[in-house]
Amino acid sequence: MDNVVPVSDLRSYNQTLREVQEGQHVVLTKNGYAKYVVTDYEEWKKMKATIDLFSELQKGVQSHKTEATLSLDELKSHIKDE
């Protein structure tokens, strides 16, 4: 579960950063609303890679919806031609 703290707690940022661990995030609030997230760098890289992967998959889904599809024989022929 995420740890939620007010952004004013960053005055003692060392304590806040100690609470950041892999798989754990610290949500910083401003005026009572979630505003920022502090996370472990390795965790951030994993999240970014996941987002990038889903973005590419979404492009494929959109392409499938808008472009003509190939039969298996057409695909094989297309691959041989390259």
C-alpha atoms as a PDB file:
ATOM      1  CA  MET A   1       0.000   0.000   0.000  1.00  0.00           C
ATOM      2  CA  ASP A   2       1.216   3.488  -0.785  1.00  0.00           C
ATOM      3  CA  ASN A   3       2.340   5.769   1.994  1.00  0.00           C
ATOM      4  CA  VAL A   4       0.529   9.126   1.800  1.00  0.00           C
ATOM      5  CA  VAL A   5       2.151  12.180   3.364  1.00  0.00           C
ATOM      6  CA  PRO A   6       1.751  15.936   2.928  1.00  0.00           C
ATOM      7  CA  VAL A   7       4.333  17.612   0.706  1.00  0.00           C
ATOM      8  CA  SER A   8       5.307  19.735   3.697  1.00  0.00           C
ATOM      9  CA  ASP A   9       6.893  16.576   5.139  1.00  0.00           C
ATOM     10  CA  LEU A  10       9.656  17.015   2.576  1.00  0.00           C
ATOM     11  CA  ARG A  11      11.240  19.416   5.019  1.00  0.00           C
ATOM     12  CA  SER A  12      12.424  16.192   6.620  1.00  0.00           C
ATOM     13  CA  TYR A  13      12.921  14.455   3.278  1.00  0.00           C
ATOM     14  CA  ASN A  14      15.390  11.900   4.633  1.00  0.00           C
ATOM     15  CA  GLN A  15      12.615  10.261   6.659  1.00  0.00           C
ATOM     16  CA  THR A  16      10.269  10.339   3.652  1.00  0.00           C
ATOM     17  CA  LEU A  17      12.900   8.805   1.376  1.00  0.00           C
ATOM     18  CA  ARG A  18      13.573   6.023   3.896  1.00  0.00           C
ATOM     19  CA  GLU A  19       9.964   4.973   3.430  1.00  0.00           C
ATOM     20  CA  VAL A  20      10.480   4.507  -0.321  1.00  0.00           C
ATOM     21  CA  GLN A  21      11.278   0.873  -1.046  1.00  0.00           C
ATOM     22  CA  GLU A  22      10.970  -1.314  -4.109  1.00  0.00           C
ATOM     23  CA  GLY A  23       7.297  -1.898  -4.691  1.00  0.00           C
ATOM     24  CA  GLN A  24       6.371   0.907  -2.300  1.00  0.00           C
ATOM     25  CA  HIS A  25       5.598   4.494  -3.182  1.00  0.00           C
ATOM     26  CA  VAL A  26       5.167   7.629  -1.167  1.00  0.00           C
ATOM     27  CA  VAL A  27       2.290   9.798  -2.352  1.00  0.00           C
ATOM     28  CA  LEU A  28       2.799  13.451  -1.516  1.00  0.00           C
ATOM     29  CA  THR A  29      -0.279  15.580  -1.043  1.00  0.00           C
ATOM     30  CA  LYS A  30      -0.660  19.292  -1.549  1.00  0.00           C
ATOM     31  CA  ASN A  31      -3.654  21.033   0.006  1.00  0.00           C
ATOM     32  CA  GLY A  32      -5.052  17.626   0.890  1.00  0.00           C
ATOM     33  CA  TYR A  33      -4.933  16.201  -2.651  1.00  0.00           C
ATOM     34  CA  ALA A  34      -2.506  13.679  -4.114  1.00  0.00           C
ATOM     35  CA  LYS A  35      -0.010  15.650  -6.211  1.00  0.00           C
ATOM     36  CA  TYR A  36       3.317  13.784  -6.484  1.00  0.00           C
ATOM     37  CA  VAL A  37       4.652  10.253  -6.165  1.00  0.00           C
ATOM     38  CA  VAL A  38       8.129   9.336  -4.957  1.00  0.00           C
ATOM     39  CA  THR A  39       9.234   5.867  -5.960  1.00  0.00           C
ATOM     40  CA  ASP A  40      12.360   3.743  -6.121  1.00  0.00           C
ATOM     41  CA  TYR A  41      14.284   4.306  -9.395  1.00  0.00           C
ATOM     42  CA  GLU A  42      14.296   0.605 -10.337  1.00  0.00           C
ATOM     43  CA  GLU A  43      10.545   0.472  -9.716  1.00  0.00           C
ATOM     44  CA  TRP A  44      10.090   3.575 -11.910  1.00  0.00           C
ATOM     45  CA  LYS A  45      12.060   1.920 -14.743  1.00  0.00           C
ATOM     46  CA  LYS A  46       9.803  -1.150 -14.535  1.00  0.00           C
ATOM     47  CA  MET A  47       6.663   1.005 -14.606  1.00  0.00           C
ATOM     48  CA  LYS A  48       7.972   3.008 -17.567  1.00  0.00           C
ATOM     49  CA  ALA A  49       8.841  -0.177 -19.481  1.00  0.00           C
ATOM     50  CA  THR A  50       5.337  -1.512 -18.814  1.00  0.00           C
ATOM     51  CA  ILE A  51       3.737   1.713 -20.029  1.00  0.00           C
ATOM     52  CA  ASP A  52       5.931   1.702 -23.146  1.00  0.00           C
ATOM     53  CA  LEU A  53       4.988  -1.921 -23.858  1.00  0.00           C
ATOM     54  CA  PHE A  54       1.273  -1.219 -23.499  1.00  0.00           C
ATOM     55  CA  SER A  55       1.615   1.838 -25.747  1.00  0.00           C
ATOM     56  CA  GLU A  56       3.195  -0.306 -28.465  1.00  0.00           C
ATOM     57  CA  LEU A  57       0.516  -2.982 -28.040  1.00  0.00           C
ATOM     58  CA  GLN A  58      -2.161  -0.306 -28.378  1.00  0.00           C
ATOM     59  CA  LYS A  59      -0.573   0.842 -31.626  1.00  0.00           C
ATOM     60  CA  GLY A  60      -0.835  -2.735 -32.882  1.00  0.00           C
ATOM     61  CA  VAL A  61      -4.499  -2.951 -31.902  1.00  0.00           C
ATOM     62  CA  GLN A  62      -5.257   0.325 -33.697  1.00  0.00           C
ATOM     63  CA  SER A  63      -3.289  -0.824 -36.741  1.00  0.00           C
ATOM     64  CA  HIS A  64      -5.264  -4.057 -36.825  1.00  0.00           C
ATOM     65  CA  LYS A  65      -8.515  -2.086 -36.749  1.00  0.00           C
ATOM     66  CA  THR A  66      -7.565   0.334 -39.525  1.00  0.00           C
ATOM     67  CA  GLU A  67      -5.293  -1.600 -41.869  1.00  0.00           C
ATOM     68  CA  ALA A  68      -5.953  -4.614 -44.036  1.00  0.00           C
ATOM     69  CA  THR A  69      -4.901  -7.954 -42.602  1.00  0.00           C
ATOM     70  CA  LEU A  70      -2.876 -10.602 -44.388  1.00  0.00           C
ATOM     71  CA  SER A  71      -3.667 -14.261 -44.746  1.00  0.00           C
ATOM     72  CA  LEU A  72      -1.002 -16.713 -43.611  1.00  0.00           C
ATOM     73  CA  ASP A  73       0.055 -17.347 -47.217  1.00  0.00           C
ATOM     74  CA  GLU A  74       0.295 -13.590 -47.902  1.00  0.00           C
ATOM     75  CA  LEU A  75       2.391 -13.141 -44.777  1.00  0.00           C
ATOM     76  CA  LYS A  76       4.739 -15.957 -45.772  1.00  0.00           C
ATOM     77  CA  SER A  77       5.100 -14.468 -49.241  1.00  0.00           C
ATOM     78  CA  HIS A  78       5.727 -11.014 -47.790  1.00  0.00           C
ATOM     79  CA  ILE A  79       8.438 -12.385 -45.483  1.00  0.00           C
ATOM     80  CA  LYS A  80      10.146 -14.266 -48.334  1.00  0.00           C
ATOM     81  CA  ASP A  81      10.206 -11.090 -50.450  1.00  0.00           C
ATOM     82  CA  GLU A  82      12.210  -9.179 -47.820  1.00  0.00           C
END
